[in-house]
Amino acid sequence: MRWPWPQDSREDKARRVAQSYRRLAQGLPEQHLVDALDHHWIDLGQSWVVPTQSTINPDDWVTADEAAELFSIPAKSVYDWGRRGHVRKVHSRYNVGDIIRYSQTRGKRTST
């Protein structure tokens, strides 16, 4: 089986794997152990281990780096999508709704 997100960097792959284990561990009765591990990694500067709830407005415009952080995708992908016309770009900012829509269509193509 091939990796379904070919644009992922080595770090992105590691994050996806780590997050899958985290989701599994959250369902266990020992939730306090998951919480303790979260605090340990946050103390070491790795706050990405804890998912956050945020409201995303599809009408917003963000930089490629901001999009990478919001959607866990490489900034290079966002640059490429803008250059190819898949997402709208104005003054180095990319439309959030376009990024969401295009990344969803890519996910559907790679899973079939």
N, C-alpha and C. Protein backbone atom coordinates (compact mmCIF):
# COMPACT_ATOMS: atom_id res chain seq x y z
N MET A 1 0.84 -1.18 0.00
CA MET A 1 0.00 0.00 0.00
C MET A 1 0.89 1.24 0.00
N ARG A 2 0.52 2.23 -0.80
CA ARG A 2 1.29 3.48 -0.91
C ARG A 2 0.77 4.51 0.07
N TRP A 3 1.65 5.42 0.47
CA TRP A 3 1.27 6.52 1.38
C TRP A 3 0.25 7.39 0.66
N PRO A 4 -0.93 7.60 1.27
CA PRO A 4 -2.00 8.31 0.56
C PRO A 4 -1.84 9.82 0.45
N TRP A 5 -0.82 10.38 1.09
CA TRP A 5 -0.58 11.83 1.03
C TRP A 5 0.82 12.05 0.46
N PRO A 6 1.00 11.97 -0.85
CA PRO A 6 2.34 12.03 -1.43
C PRO A 6 3.06 13.35 -1.19
N GLN A 7 2.34 14.42 -0.88
CA GLN A 7 2.97 15.72 -0.64
C GLN A 7 3.57 15.82 0.76
N ASP A 8 3.32 14.85 1.63
CA ASP A 8 3.81 14.91 3.01
C ASP A 8 5.33 14.83 3.08
N SER A 9 5.88 15.67 3.94
CA SER A 9 7.31 15.58 4.24
C SER A 9 7.51 14.45 5.26
N ARG A 10 8.74 14.16 5.56
CA ARG A 10 9.03 13.14 6.56
C ARG A 10 8.40 13.51 7.91
N GLU A 11 8.49 14.80 8.25
CA GLU A 11 7.89 15.27 9.49
C GLU A 11 6.37 15.14 9.47
N ASP A 12 5.74 15.47 8.34
CA ASP A 12 4.29 15.33 8.22
C ASP A 12 3.86 13.88 8.43
N LYS A 13 4.62 12.96 7.87
CA LYS A 13 4.30 11.54 8.04
C LYS A 13 4.38 11.15 9.51
N ALA A 14 5.44 11.58 10.17
CA ALA A 14 5.59 11.27 11.59
C ALA A 14 4.44 11.85 12.41
N ARG A 15 4.03 13.05 12.06
CA ARG A 15 2.90 13.67 12.79
C ARG A 15 1.61 12.90 12.57
N ARG A 16 1.35 12.47 11.36
CA ARG A 16 0.13 11.69 11.10
C ARG A 16 0.13 10.39 11.90
N VAL A 17 1.28 9.72 11.93
CA VAL A 17 1.38 8.47 12.69
C VAL A 17 1.16 8.74 14.18
N ALA A 18 1.85 9.76 14.70
CA ALA A 18 1.72 10.09 16.13
C ALA A 18 0.28 10.46 16.48
N GLN A 19 -0.37 11.24 15.62
CA GLN A 19 -1.76 11.64 15.90
C GLN A 19 -2.70 10.44 15.87
N SER A 20 -2.43 9.45 15.01
CA SER A 20 -3.30 8.27 14.98
C SER A 20 -3.19 7.49 16.29
N TYR A 21 -1.98 7.37 16.83
CA TYR A 21 -1.82 6.70 18.12
C TYR A 21 -2.48 7.51 19.23
N ARG A 22 -2.39 8.82 19.13
CA ARG A 22 -3.00 9.68 20.15
C ARG A 22 -4.51 9.50 20.17
N ARG A 23 -5.12 9.47 18.98
CA ARG A 23 -6.58 9.28 18.92
C ARG A 23 -6.98 7.94 19.54
N LEU A 24 -6.21 6.91 19.29
CA LEU A 24 -6.48 5.60 19.87
C LEU A 24 -6.36 5.65 21.39
N ALA A 25 -5.29 6.27 21.88
CA ALA A 25 -5.04 6.34 23.32
C ALA A 25 -6.11 7.13 24.05
N GLN A 26 -6.72 8.11 23.39
CA GLN A 26 -7.73 8.92 24.05
C GLN A 26 -8.97 8.11 24.43
N GLY A 27 -9.19 7.00 23.77
CA GLY A 27 -10.35 6.18 24.09
C GLY A 27 -10.12 5.22 25.25
N LEU A 28 -8.91 5.17 25.77
CA LEU A 28 -8.58 4.24 26.85
C LEU A 28 -8.99 4.81 28.21
N PRO A 29 -9.24 3.93 29.19
CA PRO A 29 -9.61 4.41 30.54
C PRO A 29 -8.50 5.20 31.22
N GLU A 30 -7.25 5.02 30.79
CA GLU A 30 -6.11 5.70 31.40
C GLU A 30 -5.88 7.07 30.78
N GLN A 31 -6.94 7.86 30.61
CA GLN A 31 -6.83 9.18 29.97
C GLN A 31 -5.81 10.06 30.69
N HIS A 32 -5.66 9.91 31.99
CA HIS A 32 -4.70 10.73 32.74
C HIS A 32 -3.27 10.51 32.23
N LEU A 33 -2.97 9.32 31.70
CA LEU A 33 -1.64 9.06 31.14
C LEU A 33 -1.45 9.82 29.82
N VAL A 34 -2.50 9.88 29.03
CA VAL A 34 -2.45 10.65 27.78
C VAL A 34 -2.24 12.12 28.12
N ASP A 35 -2.98 12.62 29.10
CA ASP A 35 -2.83 14.02 29.52
C ASP A 35 -1.42 14.32 30.01
N ALA A 36 -0.85 13.41 30.80
CA ALA A 36 0.51 13.61 31.31
C ALA A 36 1.52 13.64 30.16
N LEU A 37 1.34 12.76 29.19
CA LEU A 37 2.25 12.73 28.04
C LEU A 37 2.10 14.01 27.21
N ASP A 38 0.85 14.49 27.05
CA ASP A 38 0.62 15.76 26.35
C ASP A 38 1.41 16.88 27.02
N HIS A 39 1.30 16.98 28.34
CA HIS A 39 2.00 18.05 29.06
C HIS A 39 3.51 17.93 28.92
N HIS A 40 4.00 16.70 28.92
CA HIS A 40 5.44 16.47 28.75
C HIS A 40 5.92 17.04 27.41
N TRP A 41 5.22 16.70 26.32
CA TRP A 41 5.64 17.16 25.00
C TRP A 41 5.42 18.66 24.82
N ILE A 42 4.37 19.19 25.40
CA ILE A 42 4.14 20.64 25.33
C ILE A 42 5.27 21.38 26.04
N ASP A 43 5.69 20.86 27.20
CA ASP A 43 6.80 21.46 27.93
C ASP A 43 8.09 21.46 27.12
N LEU A 44 8.22 20.50 26.20
CA LEU A 44 9.40 20.43 25.34
C LEU A 44 9.20 21.17 24.02
N GLY A 45 8.11 21.95 23.94
CA GLY A 45 7.90 22.79 22.77
C GLY A 45 7.16 22.13 21.61
N GLN A 46 6.54 21.00 21.85
CA GLN A 46 5.84 20.28 20.78
C GLN A 46 4.33 20.35 20.99
N SER A 47 3.78 21.54 20.93
CA SER A 47 2.35 21.73 21.20
C SER A 47 1.45 21.13 20.13
N TRP A 48 2.01 20.79 18.97
CA TRP A 48 1.20 20.22 17.90
C TRP A 48 0.58 18.88 18.29
N VAL A 49 1.11 18.23 19.33
CA VAL A 49 0.57 16.92 19.71
C VAL A 49 -0.86 17.01 20.21
N VAL A 50 -1.27 18.19 20.67
CA VAL A 50 -2.62 18.36 21.19
C VAL A 50 -3.45 19.11 20.15
N PRO A 51 -4.44 18.44 19.56
CA PRO A 51 -5.28 19.12 18.59
C PRO A 51 -6.02 20.29 19.23
N THR A 52 -6.21 21.34 18.47
CA THR A 52 -6.94 22.49 18.98
C THR A 52 -8.19 22.71 18.13
N GLN A 53 -9.19 23.26 18.74
CA GLN A 53 -10.40 23.61 18.04
C GLN A 53 -10.27 25.06 17.58
N SER A 54 -10.47 25.27 16.30
CA SER A 54 -10.42 26.64 15.80
C SER A 54 -11.49 26.80 14.74
N THR A 55 -11.98 28.00 14.65
CA THR A 55 -12.97 28.31 13.64
C THR A 55 -12.24 28.80 12.41
N ILE A 56 -12.52 28.16 11.29
CA ILE A 56 -11.87 28.53 10.05
C ILE A 56 -12.91 29.17 9.15
N ASN A 57 -12.64 30.39 8.74
CA ASN A 57 -13.54 31.12 7.85
C ASN A 57 -13.08 30.91 6.42
N PRO A 58 -13.89 30.28 5.57
CA PRO A 58 -13.47 30.03 4.19
C PRO A 58 -13.24 31.31 3.39
N ASP A 59 -13.70 32.45 3.89
CA ASP A 59 -13.49 33.71 3.19
C ASP A 59 -12.17 34.38 3.56
N ASP A 60 -11.44 33.81 4.54
CA ASP A 60 -10.16 34.39 4.96
C ASP A 60 -9.07 34.14 3.93
N TRP A 61 -8.03 34.94 4.02
CA TRP A 61 -6.84 34.81 3.16
C TRP A 61 -5.65 34.65 4.08
N VAL A 62 -4.81 33.64 3.81
CA VAL A 62 -3.67 33.33 4.68
C VAL A 62 -2.42 33.15 3.83
N THR A 63 -1.26 33.24 4.49
CA THR A 63 -0.01 32.95 3.80
C THR A 63 0.12 31.43 3.64
N ALA A 64 1.04 31.00 2.82
CA ALA A 64 1.27 29.57 2.64
C ALA A 64 1.71 28.92 3.96
N ASP A 65 2.53 29.62 4.73
CA ASP A 65 2.97 29.09 6.02
C ASP A 65 1.80 28.95 6.99
N GLU A 66 0.90 29.94 7.00
CA GLU A 66 -0.27 29.85 7.87
C GLU A 66 -1.18 28.70 7.44
N ALA A 67 -1.35 28.51 6.14
CA ALA A 67 -2.16 27.40 5.63
C ALA A 67 -1.54 26.07 6.02
N ALA A 68 -0.22 25.98 5.92
CA ALA A 68 0.48 24.75 6.30
C ALA A 68 0.20 24.41 7.76
N GLU A 69 0.24 25.41 8.61
CA GLU A 69 -0.01 25.21 10.03
C GLU A 69 -1.47 24.84 10.29
N LEU A 70 -2.39 25.53 9.64
CA LEU A 70 -3.82 25.28 9.84
C LEU A 70 -4.26 23.90 9.39
N PHE A 71 -3.73 23.46 8.25
CA PHE A 71 -4.25 22.25 7.61
C PHE A 71 -3.27 21.08 7.60
N SER A 72 -2.13 21.25 8.25
CA SER A 72 -1.12 20.18 8.29
C SER A 72 -0.73 19.70 6.90
N ILE A 73 -0.45 20.67 6.04
CA ILE A 73 0.01 20.37 4.69
C ILE A 73 1.30 21.16 4.46
N PRO A 74 2.15 20.70 3.58
CA PRO A 74 3.38 21.45 3.32
C PRO A 74 3.09 22.81 2.66
N ALA A 75 3.79 23.83 3.07
CA ALA A 75 3.63 25.16 2.47
C ALA A 75 3.92 25.10 0.97
N LYS A 76 4.85 24.26 0.58
CA LYS A 76 5.20 24.12 -0.84
C LYS A 76 3.98 23.70 -1.67
N SER A 77 3.13 22.86 -1.10
CA SER A 77 1.91 22.44 -1.81
C SER A 77 1.01 23.65 -2.06
N VAL A 78 0.89 24.50 -1.04
CA VAL A 78 0.04 25.68 -1.19
C VAL A 78 0.61 26.60 -2.27
N TYR A 79 1.93 26.81 -2.26
CA TYR A 79 2.57 27.61 -3.31
C TYR A 79 2.26 27.02 -4.69
N ASP A 80 2.43 25.70 -4.81
CA ASP A 80 2.20 25.04 -6.09
C ASP A 80 0.74 25.17 -6.54
N TRP A 81 -0.18 24.98 -5.61
CA TRP A 81 -1.61 25.07 -5.95
C TRP A 81 -1.96 26.47 -6.43
N GLY A 82 -1.37 27.49 -5.79
CA GLY A 82 -1.61 28.86 -6.23
C GLY A 82 -1.01 29.13 -7.60
N ARG A 83 0.19 28.65 -7.81
CA ARG A 83 0.88 28.84 -9.10
C ARG A 83 0.12 28.15 -10.23
N ARG A 84 -0.47 27.00 -9.94
CA ARG A 84 -1.20 26.24 -10.95
C ARG A 84 -2.64 26.70 -11.13
N GLY A 85 -3.08 27.63 -10.28
CA GLY A 85 -4.43 28.16 -10.41
C GLY A 85 -5.50 27.34 -9.71
N HIS A 86 -5.11 26.40 -8.86
CA HIS A 86 -6.09 25.58 -8.14
C HIS A 86 -6.71 26.34 -6.96
N VAL A 87 -5.95 27.30 -6.41
CA VAL A 87 -6.46 28.16 -5.34
C VAL A 87 -6.14 29.61 -5.71
N ARG A 88 -7.02 30.51 -5.31
CA ARG A 88 -6.78 31.93 -5.61
C ARG A 88 -5.66 32.47 -4.73
N LYS A 89 -4.86 33.34 -5.34
CA LYS A 89 -3.72 33.95 -4.65
C LYS A 89 -3.74 35.45 -4.93
N VAL A 90 -3.62 36.24 -3.87
CA VAL A 90 -3.53 37.70 -4.00
C VAL A 90 -2.44 38.17 -3.03
N HIS A 91 -1.41 38.77 -3.59
CA HIS A 91 -0.30 39.32 -2.78
C HIS A 91 0.23 38.30 -1.78
N SER A 92 0.57 37.11 -2.26
CA SER A 92 1.15 36.04 -1.43
C SER A 92 0.22 35.55 -0.34
N ARG A 93 -1.08 35.74 -0.53
CA ARG A 93 -2.06 35.21 0.41
C ARG A 93 -3.02 34.34 -0.40
N TYR A 94 -3.47 33.26 0.25
CA TYR A 94 -4.26 32.25 -0.43
C TYR A 94 -5.63 32.14 0.24
N ASN A 95 -6.65 31.91 -0.58
CA ASN A 95 -8.02 31.83 -0.07
C ASN A 95 -8.23 30.51 0.67
N VAL A 96 -8.70 30.60 1.91
CA VAL A 96 -8.88 29.44 2.77
C VAL A 96 -9.90 28.46 2.18
N GLY A 97 -11.02 28.98 1.69
CA GLY A 97 -12.05 28.11 1.11
C GLY A 97 -11.51 27.32 -0.07
N ASP A 98 -10.71 27.96 -0.91
CA ASP A 98 -10.12 27.28 -2.06
C ASP A 98 -9.17 26.16 -1.60
N ILE A 99 -8.40 26.45 -0.55
CA ILE A 99 -7.47 25.44 -0.03
C ILE A 99 -8.24 24.24 0.49
N ILE A 100 -9.31 24.50 1.23
CA ILE A 100 -10.12 23.41 1.77
C ILE A 100 -10.69 22.57 0.63
N ARG A 101 -11.32 23.24 -0.33
CA ARG A 101 -11.95 22.50 -1.45
C ARG A 101 -10.92 21.71 -2.25
N TYR A 102 -9.80 22.34 -2.57
CA TYR A 102 -8.81 21.65 -3.41
C TYR A 102 -8.16 20.49 -2.65
N SER A 103 -7.85 20.69 -1.38
CA SER A 103 -7.23 19.60 -0.62
C SER A 103 -8.19 18.42 -0.47
N GLN A 104 -9.49 18.69 -0.38
CA GLN A 104 -10.47 17.61 -0.30
C GLN A 104 -10.55 16.84 -1.61
N THR A 105 -10.47 17.51 -2.74
CA THR A 105 -10.52 16.81 -4.03
C THR A 105 -9.25 15.97 -4.21
N ARG A 106 -8.12 16.46 -3.72
CA ARG A 106 -6.87 15.68 -3.81
C ARG A 106 -6.97 14.44 -2.96
N GLY A 107 -7.57 14.56 -1.78
CA GLY A 107 -7.74 13.40 -0.90
C GLY A 107 -8.61 12.33 -1.54
N LYS A 108 -9.66 12.76 -2.22
CA LYS A 108 -10.54 11.80 -2.88
C LYS A 108 -9.83 11.10 -4.02
N ARG A 109 -9.00 11.83 -4.77
CA ARG A 109 -8.28 11.23 -5.90
C ARG A 109 -7.25 10.21 -5.42
N THR A 110 -6.59 10.50 -4.30
CA THR A 110 -5.53 9.61 -3.88
C THR A 110 -6.08 8.37 -3.17
N SER A 111 -7.32 8.41 -2.70
CA SER A 111 -7.87 7.25 -1.98
C SER A 111 -8.54 6.26 -2.90
N THR A 112 -8.71 6.59 -4.18
CA THR A 112 -9.37 5.67 -5.09
C THR A 112 -8.37 4.93 -5.94
